[in-house]
Amino acid sequence: MHFISFSATILAAISYSKVFGDFIAWSGNACDGDEGLNVPCDNGCDGFEGRHSFEVVASGTHCVTFYEDEGCGGEHFFFSGEGNSECINVNTGTSIGSFSLFWVSELISLKTR
């Protein structure tokens, strides 16, 4: 019985993180066009090919690093700002293949360790 309850809790947590992500990338320049997946802010590396703008739909100060290559490699560009669905156009003068996203509070906690 405990195993079933534990499994249900894990599935609920996974479903929550997939439904309530933090970041959406768009194919248009003003958060329009084709909408990408709603991905969580987990400092992971995600694809950005064919995207030209983004919004952070969760509240709080975020930092986004965009990379020229897939797999978060090559030349990189740094953006930061408040969430709450502010649309940001990614105009770096080069194509962007991937990005990583984290909250500023995570950076502060890492620096104070």
N, C-alpha and C. Protein backbone atom coordinates (compact mmCIF):
# COMPACT_ATOMS: atom_id res chain seq x y z
N MET A 1 0.82 -1.19 0.00
CA MET A 1 0.00 0.00 0.00
C MET A 1 0.87 1.26 0.00
N HIS A 2 1.95 1.24 0.78
CA HIS A 2 2.83 2.41 0.83
C HIS A 2 3.49 2.66 -0.52
N PHE A 3 3.83 1.58 -1.23
CA PHE A 3 4.47 1.72 -2.54
C PHE A 3 3.54 2.42 -3.52
N ILE A 4 2.26 2.06 -3.50
CA ILE A 4 1.28 2.68 -4.41
C ILE A 4 1.15 4.17 -4.08
N SER A 5 1.09 4.51 -2.81
CA SER A 5 0.98 5.91 -2.39
C SER A 5 2.21 6.69 -2.80
N PHE A 6 3.40 6.10 -2.60
CA PHE A 6 4.65 6.75 -2.99
C PHE A 6 4.70 6.95 -4.51
N SER A 7 4.30 5.93 -5.28
CA SER A 7 4.28 6.03 -6.74
C SER A 7 3.34 7.12 -7.21
N ALA A 8 2.19 7.23 -6.59
CA ALA A 8 1.21 8.26 -6.96
C ALA A 8 1.79 9.65 -6.68
N THR A 9 2.50 9.79 -5.57
CA THR A 9 3.12 11.08 -5.23
C THR A 9 4.17 11.47 -6.27
N ILE A 10 5.00 10.51 -6.67
CA ILE A 10 6.03 10.78 -7.68
C ILE A 10 5.39 11.17 -9.00
N LEU A 11 4.38 10.44 -9.43
CA LEU A 11 3.70 10.76 -10.69
C LEU A 11 3.05 12.14 -10.64
N ALA A 12 2.48 12.50 -9.51
CA ALA A 12 1.87 13.83 -9.37
C ALA A 12 2.93 14.92 -9.48
N ALA A 13 4.09 14.72 -8.87
CA ALA A 13 5.16 15.71 -8.94
C ALA A 13 5.67 15.86 -10.37
N ILE A 14 5.82 14.76 -11.08
CA ILE A 14 6.28 14.82 -12.47
C ILE A 14 5.23 15.53 -13.33
N SER A 15 3.97 15.20 -13.14
CA SER A 15 2.91 15.83 -13.92
C SER A 15 2.86 17.33 -13.63
N TYR A 16 3.03 17.73 -12.37
CA TYR A 16 3.00 19.13 -11.99
C TYR A 16 4.12 19.89 -12.70
N SER A 17 5.33 19.32 -12.71
CA SER A 17 6.45 20.03 -13.33
C SER A 17 6.28 20.13 -14.85
N LYS A 18 5.59 19.19 -15.46
CA LYS A 18 5.38 19.26 -16.91
C LYS A 18 4.27 20.25 -17.26
N VAL A 19 3.25 20.36 -16.42
CA VAL A 19 2.14 21.26 -16.70
C VAL A 19 2.51 22.70 -16.35
N PHE A 20 3.18 22.89 -15.23
CA PHE A 20 3.50 24.22 -14.75
C PHE A 20 4.99 24.50 -14.93
N GLY A 21 5.39 24.74 -16.16
CA GLY A 21 6.77 25.09 -16.44
C GLY A 21 7.00 26.57 -16.20
N ASP A 22 8.17 27.03 -16.60
CA ASP A 22 8.55 28.40 -16.30
C ASP A 22 8.88 29.22 -17.54
N PHE A 23 9.18 28.61 -18.67
CA PHE A 23 9.76 29.29 -19.82
C PHE A 23 9.12 28.79 -21.10
N ILE A 24 8.70 29.73 -21.97
CA ILE A 24 8.13 29.37 -23.27
C ILE A 24 8.89 30.16 -24.34
N ALA A 25 9.36 29.46 -25.36
CA ALA A 25 10.02 30.11 -26.50
C ALA A 25 9.06 30.14 -27.68
N TRP A 26 9.18 31.17 -28.52
CA TRP A 26 8.27 31.39 -29.64
C TRP A 26 9.05 31.53 -30.93
N SER A 27 8.41 31.19 -32.05
CA SER A 27 9.07 31.32 -33.34
C SER A 27 9.04 32.77 -33.84
N GLY A 28 8.08 33.57 -33.40
CA GLY A 28 7.99 34.97 -33.80
C GLY A 28 8.85 35.87 -32.93
N ASN A 29 8.99 37.12 -33.34
CA ASN A 29 9.83 38.08 -32.62
C ASN A 29 9.17 38.70 -31.40
N ALA A 30 7.86 38.57 -31.27
CA ALA A 30 7.13 39.22 -30.18
C ALA A 30 6.26 38.21 -29.42
N CYS A 31 6.83 37.05 -29.11
CA CYS A 31 6.11 35.97 -28.41
C CYS A 31 4.83 35.61 -29.15
N ASP A 32 4.99 35.50 -30.46
CA ASP A 32 3.90 35.08 -31.33
C ASP A 32 4.42 33.99 -32.25
N GLY A 33 3.58 33.51 -33.13
CA GLY A 33 3.99 32.41 -33.99
C GLY A 33 3.83 31.09 -33.26
N ASP A 34 4.64 30.11 -33.62
CA ASP A 34 4.56 28.78 -33.00
C ASP A 34 5.11 28.82 -31.58
N GLU A 35 4.33 28.28 -30.66
CA GLU A 35 4.71 28.23 -29.24
C GLU A 35 5.48 26.95 -28.96
N GLY A 36 6.61 27.08 -28.28
CA GLY A 36 7.38 25.91 -27.87
C GLY A 36 6.83 25.30 -26.60
N LEU A 37 7.51 24.31 -26.10
CA LEU A 37 7.12 23.67 -24.85
C LEU A 37 7.31 24.61 -23.68
N ASN A 38 6.53 24.41 -22.63
CA ASN A 38 6.67 25.15 -21.39
C ASN A 38 7.63 24.36 -20.51
N VAL A 39 8.89 24.81 -20.44
CA VAL A 39 9.92 24.04 -19.75
C VAL A 39 10.21 24.60 -18.36
N PRO A 40 10.58 23.75 -17.42
CA PRO A 40 10.88 24.21 -16.07
C PRO A 40 12.24 24.90 -15.98
N CYS A 41 12.37 25.76 -15.01
CA CYS A 41 13.63 26.43 -14.71
C CYS A 41 14.45 25.48 -13.84
N ASP A 42 15.30 24.69 -14.49
CA ASP A 42 16.04 23.67 -13.75
C ASP A 42 17.53 23.67 -14.08
N ASN A 43 18.01 24.74 -14.70
CA ASN A 43 19.41 24.88 -15.08
C ASN A 43 19.84 23.81 -16.09
N GLY A 44 18.87 23.16 -16.71
CA GLY A 44 19.18 22.18 -17.75
C GLY A 44 19.42 22.87 -19.08
N CYS A 45 19.79 22.11 -20.06
CA CYS A 45 20.05 22.64 -21.40
C CYS A 45 18.90 22.21 -22.31
N ASP A 46 18.26 23.19 -22.96
CA ASP A 46 17.14 22.91 -23.85
C ASP A 46 17.38 23.54 -25.21
N GLY A 47 16.75 23.00 -26.25
CA GLY A 47 16.91 23.51 -27.61
C GLY A 47 16.18 24.83 -27.83
N PHE A 48 16.72 25.67 -28.72
CA PHE A 48 16.11 26.96 -29.04
C PHE A 48 16.06 27.19 -30.55
N GLU A 49 16.44 26.22 -31.34
CA GLU A 49 16.49 26.39 -32.79
C GLU A 49 15.12 26.77 -33.35
N GLY A 50 15.10 27.76 -34.24
CA GLY A 50 13.86 28.22 -34.85
C GLY A 50 13.03 29.13 -33.97
N ARG A 51 13.56 29.55 -32.82
CA ARG A 51 12.85 30.44 -31.89
C ARG A 51 13.50 31.81 -31.92
N HIS A 52 12.68 32.86 -31.69
CA HIS A 52 13.21 34.22 -31.76
C HIS A 52 12.81 35.10 -30.59
N SER A 53 11.96 34.60 -29.71
CA SER A 53 11.57 35.36 -28.53
C SER A 53 11.18 34.37 -27.44
N PHE A 54 11.09 34.89 -26.21
CA PHE A 54 10.71 34.04 -25.10
C PHE A 54 10.00 34.84 -24.03
N GLU A 55 9.29 34.12 -23.17
CA GLU A 55 8.71 34.72 -21.97
C GLU A 55 8.89 33.76 -20.81
N VAL A 56 9.13 34.33 -19.65
CA VAL A 56 9.19 33.56 -18.42
C VAL A 56 7.83 33.75 -17.76
N VAL A 57 7.08 32.67 -17.64
CA VAL A 57 5.71 32.77 -17.17
C VAL A 57 5.58 32.67 -15.66
N ALA A 58 6.64 32.31 -14.97
CA ALA A 58 6.63 32.27 -13.51
C ALA A 58 7.17 33.59 -12.98
N SER A 59 6.80 33.95 -11.77
CA SER A 59 7.30 35.20 -11.19
C SER A 59 8.69 34.99 -10.61
N GLY A 60 9.42 36.07 -10.45
CA GLY A 60 10.76 36.02 -9.88
C GLY A 60 11.81 36.41 -10.90
N THR A 61 12.98 36.78 -10.42
CA THR A 61 14.07 37.19 -11.29
C THR A 61 14.78 35.97 -11.83
N HIS A 62 14.95 35.93 -13.14
CA HIS A 62 15.55 34.79 -13.82
C HIS A 62 16.79 35.22 -14.58
N CYS A 63 17.62 34.26 -14.90
CA CYS A 63 18.78 34.47 -15.75
C CYS A 63 18.74 33.40 -16.84
N VAL A 64 18.87 33.83 -18.08
CA VAL A 64 18.86 32.91 -19.21
C VAL A 64 20.17 33.09 -19.96
N THR A 65 20.83 31.99 -20.26
CA THR A 65 22.02 32.03 -21.11
C THR A 65 21.69 31.30 -22.40
N PHE A 66 21.84 32.01 -23.52
CA PHE A 66 21.62 31.44 -24.84
C PHE A 66 22.95 31.08 -25.45
N TYR A 67 22.99 29.96 -26.16
CA TYR A 67 24.22 29.45 -26.76
C TYR A 67 24.06 29.33 -28.27
N GLU A 68 25.12 29.61 -28.97
CA GLU A 68 25.12 29.53 -30.42
C GLU A 68 24.90 28.10 -30.91
N ASP A 69 25.45 27.14 -30.21
CA ASP A 69 25.37 25.73 -30.62
C ASP A 69 24.34 24.96 -29.81
N GLU A 70 23.91 23.83 -30.34
CA GLU A 70 23.07 22.91 -29.58
C GLU A 70 23.91 22.35 -28.43
N GLY A 71 23.27 21.90 -27.38
CA GLY A 71 23.98 21.30 -26.26
C GLY A 71 24.67 22.33 -25.38
N CYS A 72 24.23 23.59 -25.45
CA CYS A 72 24.77 24.69 -24.62
C CYS A 72 26.27 24.87 -24.80
N GLY A 73 26.69 24.97 -26.04
CA GLY A 73 28.10 25.20 -26.35
C GLY A 73 28.27 26.37 -27.31
N GLY A 74 29.50 26.80 -27.46
CA GLY A 74 29.82 27.90 -28.36
C GLY A 74 29.63 29.25 -27.70
N GLU A 75 29.58 30.29 -28.53
CA GLU A 75 29.40 31.65 -28.02
C GLU A 75 28.09 31.74 -27.25
N HIS A 76 28.08 32.51 -26.17
CA HIS A 76 26.87 32.60 -25.37
C HIS A 76 26.50 34.06 -25.08
N PHE A 77 25.22 34.25 -24.78
CA PHE A 77 24.63 35.56 -24.53
C PHE A 77 23.77 35.45 -23.28
N PHE A 78 23.83 36.45 -22.42
CA PHE A 78 23.18 36.41 -21.12
C PHE A 78 22.03 37.41 -21.07
N PHE A 79 20.86 36.95 -20.61
CA PHE A 79 19.70 37.81 -20.39
C PHE A 79 19.23 37.60 -18.95
N SER A 80 18.77 38.64 -18.29
CA SER A 80 18.13 38.47 -16.99
C SER A 80 16.99 39.46 -16.87
N GLY A 81 16.07 39.20 -15.98
CA GLY A 81 14.93 40.09 -15.77
C GLY A 81 13.86 39.43 -14.95
N GLU A 82 12.77 40.14 -14.78
CA GLU A 82 11.64 39.64 -14.03
C GLU A 82 10.81 38.70 -14.89
N GLY A 83 10.13 37.79 -14.25
CA GLY A 83 9.22 36.89 -14.95
C GLY A 83 7.90 37.58 -15.25
N ASN A 84 6.81 36.97 -14.91
CA ASN A 84 5.48 37.53 -15.09
C ASN A 84 5.14 37.79 -16.55
N SER A 85 5.57 36.92 -17.44
CA SER A 85 5.20 36.92 -18.86
C SER A 85 5.70 38.12 -19.66
N GLU A 86 6.82 38.70 -19.27
CA GLU A 86 7.44 39.74 -20.08
C GLU A 86 8.02 39.08 -21.33
N CYS A 87 7.74 39.62 -22.51
CA CYS A 87 8.25 39.05 -23.76
C CYS A 87 9.60 39.68 -24.09
N ILE A 88 10.58 38.85 -24.40
CA ILE A 88 11.92 39.33 -24.74
C ILE A 88 12.31 38.76 -26.10
N ASN A 89 12.67 39.66 -27.01
CA ASN A 89 13.14 39.27 -28.34
C ASN A 89 14.61 38.90 -28.23
N VAL A 90 15.00 37.79 -28.82
CA VAL A 90 16.39 37.35 -28.79
C VAL A 90 17.03 37.72 -30.12
N ASN A 91 17.66 38.90 -30.14
CA ASN A 91 18.29 39.40 -31.35
C ASN A 91 19.78 39.55 -31.06
N THR A 92 20.54 38.49 -31.28
CA THR A 92 21.96 38.48 -30.94
C THR A 92 22.86 38.66 -32.15
N GLY A 93 22.30 38.65 -33.34
CA GLY A 93 23.10 38.75 -34.56
C GLY A 93 23.63 37.41 -35.05
N THR A 94 23.31 36.35 -34.36
CA THR A 94 23.72 35.00 -34.76
C THR A 94 22.59 34.04 -34.41
N SER A 95 22.61 32.86 -34.97
CA SER A 95 21.57 31.89 -34.63
C SER A 95 21.82 31.34 -33.23
N ILE A 96 20.74 30.97 -32.58
CA ILE A 96 20.82 30.41 -31.23
C ILE A 96 20.33 28.97 -31.29
N GLY A 97 21.13 28.05 -30.75
CA GLY A 97 20.77 26.64 -30.80
C GLY A 97 20.23 26.08 -29.51
N SER A 98 20.56 26.72 -28.36
CA SER A 98 20.13 26.16 -27.08
C SER A 98 20.18 27.24 -25.99
N PHE A 99 19.64 26.91 -24.82
CA PHE A 99 19.64 27.83 -23.69
C PHE A 99 19.62 27.07 -22.37
N SER A 100 20.01 27.76 -21.32
CA SER A 100 19.82 27.26 -19.95
C SER A 100 19.19 28.37 -19.14
N LEU A 101 18.39 28.02 -18.15
CA LEU A 101 17.60 28.97 -17.37
C LEU A 101 17.72 28.64 -15.90
N PHE A 102 17.93 29.67 -15.06
CA PHE A 102 17.91 29.46 -13.62
C PHE A 102 17.39 30.72 -12.93
N TRP A 103 16.96 30.56 -11.69
CA TRP A 103 16.48 31.69 -10.88
C TRP A 103 17.64 32.33 -10.17
N VAL A 104 17.60 33.65 -10.00
CA VAL A 104 18.67 34.38 -9.33
C VAL A 104 18.86 33.88 -7.90
N SER A 105 17.79 33.50 -7.22
CA SER A 105 17.91 32.99 -5.85
C SER A 105 18.79 31.75 -5.80
N GLU A 106 18.79 30.92 -6.87
CA GLU A 106 19.65 29.75 -6.92
C GLU A 106 21.11 30.17 -7.02
N LEU A 107 21.39 31.22 -7.79
CA LEU A 107 22.76 31.71 -7.94
C LEU A 107 23.26 32.28 -6.63
N ILE A 108 22.44 33.04 -5.92
CA ILE A 108 22.85 33.63 -4.66
C ILE A 108 23.15 32.54 -3.65
N SER A 109 22.33 31.49 -3.60
CA SER A 109 22.57 30.41 -2.63
C SER A 109 23.86 29.66 -2.97
N LEU A 110 24.20 29.53 -4.27
CA LEU A 110 25.45 28.87 -4.65
C LEU A 110 26.66 29.70 -4.25
N LYS A 111 26.55 31.03 -4.38
CA LYS A 111 27.66 31.90 -4.05
C LYS A 111 27.91 32.00 -2.56
N THR A 112 26.90 31.78 -1.73
CA THR A 112 27.06 31.89 -0.30
C THR A 112 27.49 30.60 0.37
N ARG A 113 27.66 29.56 -0.38
CA ARG A 113 28.09 28.28 0.20
C ARG A 113 29.59 28.25 0.39
